[in-house]
């Protein structure tokens, strides 16, 4: 089985909305070490978020890499618990998921 990647682009119309979203991410995922351990134990190998330099709209690109598709599926239960915490925020997402077919550099 090959690596599996989830790439998400999140667009926010304003800085305050981005800041509220990011604060929610920090509170849910980063303040409890058990969550990071859970994701690693279930096969997540990388989680990167990059924010554009643009003033507005603000865009964040999230790259999540997993050992394989099964690992992705196992981690989804945790992300499904997170989603209700941001459902009332205004943002737009585009998601691309699939097996990695080239990984050289």
Protein backbone atom coordinates (compact mmCIF):
# COMPACT_ATOMS: atom_id res chain seq x y z
CA UNK A 1 0.00 0.00 0.00
CA UNK A 2 1.18 3.51 -0.74
CA UNK A 3 1.03 6.70 1.30
CA UNK A 4 -2.27 8.56 1.36
CA UNK A 5 -2.58 12.34 1.40
CA UNK A 6 -5.37 14.77 2.24
CA UNK A 7 -4.82 18.31 0.95
CA UNK A 8 -7.29 20.95 2.09
CA UNK A 9 -7.44 24.59 1.08
CA UNK A 10 -9.39 26.77 3.51
CA UNK A 11 -10.36 30.33 2.55
CA UNK A 12 -11.46 32.93 5.11
CA UNK A 13 -13.03 36.29 4.23
CA UNK A 14 -11.38 38.07 7.16
CA UNK A 15 -8.58 37.91 9.69
CA UNK A 16 -10.89 37.57 12.73
CA UNK A 17 -12.56 34.51 11.19
CA UNK A 18 -9.18 32.93 10.47
CA UNK A 19 -8.01 33.65 14.02
CA UNK A 20 -11.14 32.10 15.51
CA UNK A 21 -10.72 28.99 13.33
CA UNK A 22 -7.03 28.65 14.24
CA UNK A 23 -7.76 29.10 17.94
CA UNK A 24 -10.28 26.25 17.68
CA UNK A 25 -7.66 24.05 15.99
CA UNK A 26 -5.15 24.82 18.73
CA UNK A 27 -7.65 24.14 21.52
CA UNK A 28 -8.91 20.88 20.04
CA UNK A 29 -5.77 19.31 18.58
CA UNK A 30 -2.67 20.90 20.05
CA UNK A 31 -3.34 21.35 23.77
CA UNK A 32 -3.87 17.65 24.43
CA UNK A 33 -0.80 15.51 23.67
CA UNK A 34 -3.04 12.42 23.63
CA UNK A 35 -4.59 13.59 20.37
CA UNK A 36 -1.22 13.84 18.63
CA UNK A 37 -0.24 10.42 20.00
CA UNK A 38 -3.56 8.99 18.73
CA UNK A 39 -2.99 10.38 15.24
CA UNK A 40 0.57 9.04 15.12
CA UNK A 41 -0.45 5.62 16.44
CA UNK A 42 -3.15 5.42 13.79
CA UNK A 43 -0.79 6.21 10.92
CA UNK A 44 -0.64 9.98 10.41
CA UNK A 45 2.94 10.80 9.42
CA UNK A 46 2.72 14.51 8.64
CA UNK A 47 0.45 17.47 9.30
CA UNK A 48 1.44 20.83 7.84
CA UNK A 49 -0.52 24.07 7.63
CA UNK A 50 0.69 27.04 5.56
CA UNK A 51 -0.98 30.46 5.62
CA UNK A 52 -0.77 32.82 2.66
CA UNK A 53 0.80 36.25 3.04
CA UNK A 54 -2.29 37.83 1.50
CA UNK A 55 -4.17 40.20 3.76
CA UNK A 56 -7.67 39.04 2.74
CA UNK A 57 -9.02 36.67 1.76
CA UNK A 58 -6.78 34.52 3.89
CA UNK A 59 -5.99 31.04 2.63
CA UNK A 60 -4.55 28.11 4.53
CA UNK A 61 -3.27 24.96 2.84
CA UNK A 62 -3.33 21.87 5.03
CA UNK A 63 -1.37 18.76 4.06
CA UNK A 64 -1.99 15.59 6.01
CA UNK A 65 -0.02 12.49 5.12
CA UNK A 66 -0.80 8.97 6.27
CA UNK A 67 0.93 5.60 5.99
CA UNK A 68 -1.93 4.41 3.78
CA UNK A 69 -5.68 4.76 3.13
CA UNK A 70 -6.50 2.56 6.12
CA UNK A 71 -4.59 4.97 8.39
CA UNK A 72 -6.55 7.89 6.95
CA UNK A 73 -9.82 6.10 7.66
CA UNK A 74 -8.77 5.34 11.24
CA UNK A 75 -7.95 9.00 11.96
CA UNK A 76 -11.22 10.31 10.54
CA UNK A 77 -13.22 9.53 13.69
CA UNK A 78 -11.22 12.19 15.52
CA UNK A 79 -11.68 14.78 12.77
CA UNK A 80 -15.42 14.11 12.72
CA UNK A 81 -15.53 15.04 16.42
CA UNK A 82 -13.77 18.32 15.59
CA UNK A 83 -16.03 19.44 12.72
CA UNK A 84 -19.05 20.51 14.84
CA UNK A 85 -16.76 22.96 16.66
CA UNK A 86 -16.25 24.99 13.46
CA UNK A 87 -19.56 24.47 11.70
CA UNK A 88 -20.79 27.97 12.54
CA UNK A 89 -17.70 29.74 11.18
CA UNK A 90 -17.66 31.21 7.69
CA UNK A 91 -15.03 29.61 5.49
CA UNK A 92 -14.75 27.71 2.24
CA UNK A 93 -12.87 24.45 1.76
CA UNK A 94 -11.56 22.50 -1.21
CA UNK A 95 -10.38 18.97 -0.49
CA UNK A 96 -8.23 16.62 -2.55
CA UNK A 97 -7.50 13.13 -1.25
CA UNK A 98 -5.70 10.22 -2.78
CA UNK A 99 -2.75 7.88 -2.91
CA UNK A 100 0.67 9.42 -3.39
CA UNK A 101 1.96 8.48 -6.85
CA UNK A 102 5.24 10.44 -6.80
CA UNK A 103 7.38 11.33 -3.76
CA UNK A 104 11.05 11.92 -4.61
CA UNK A 105 12.28 15.21 -3.19
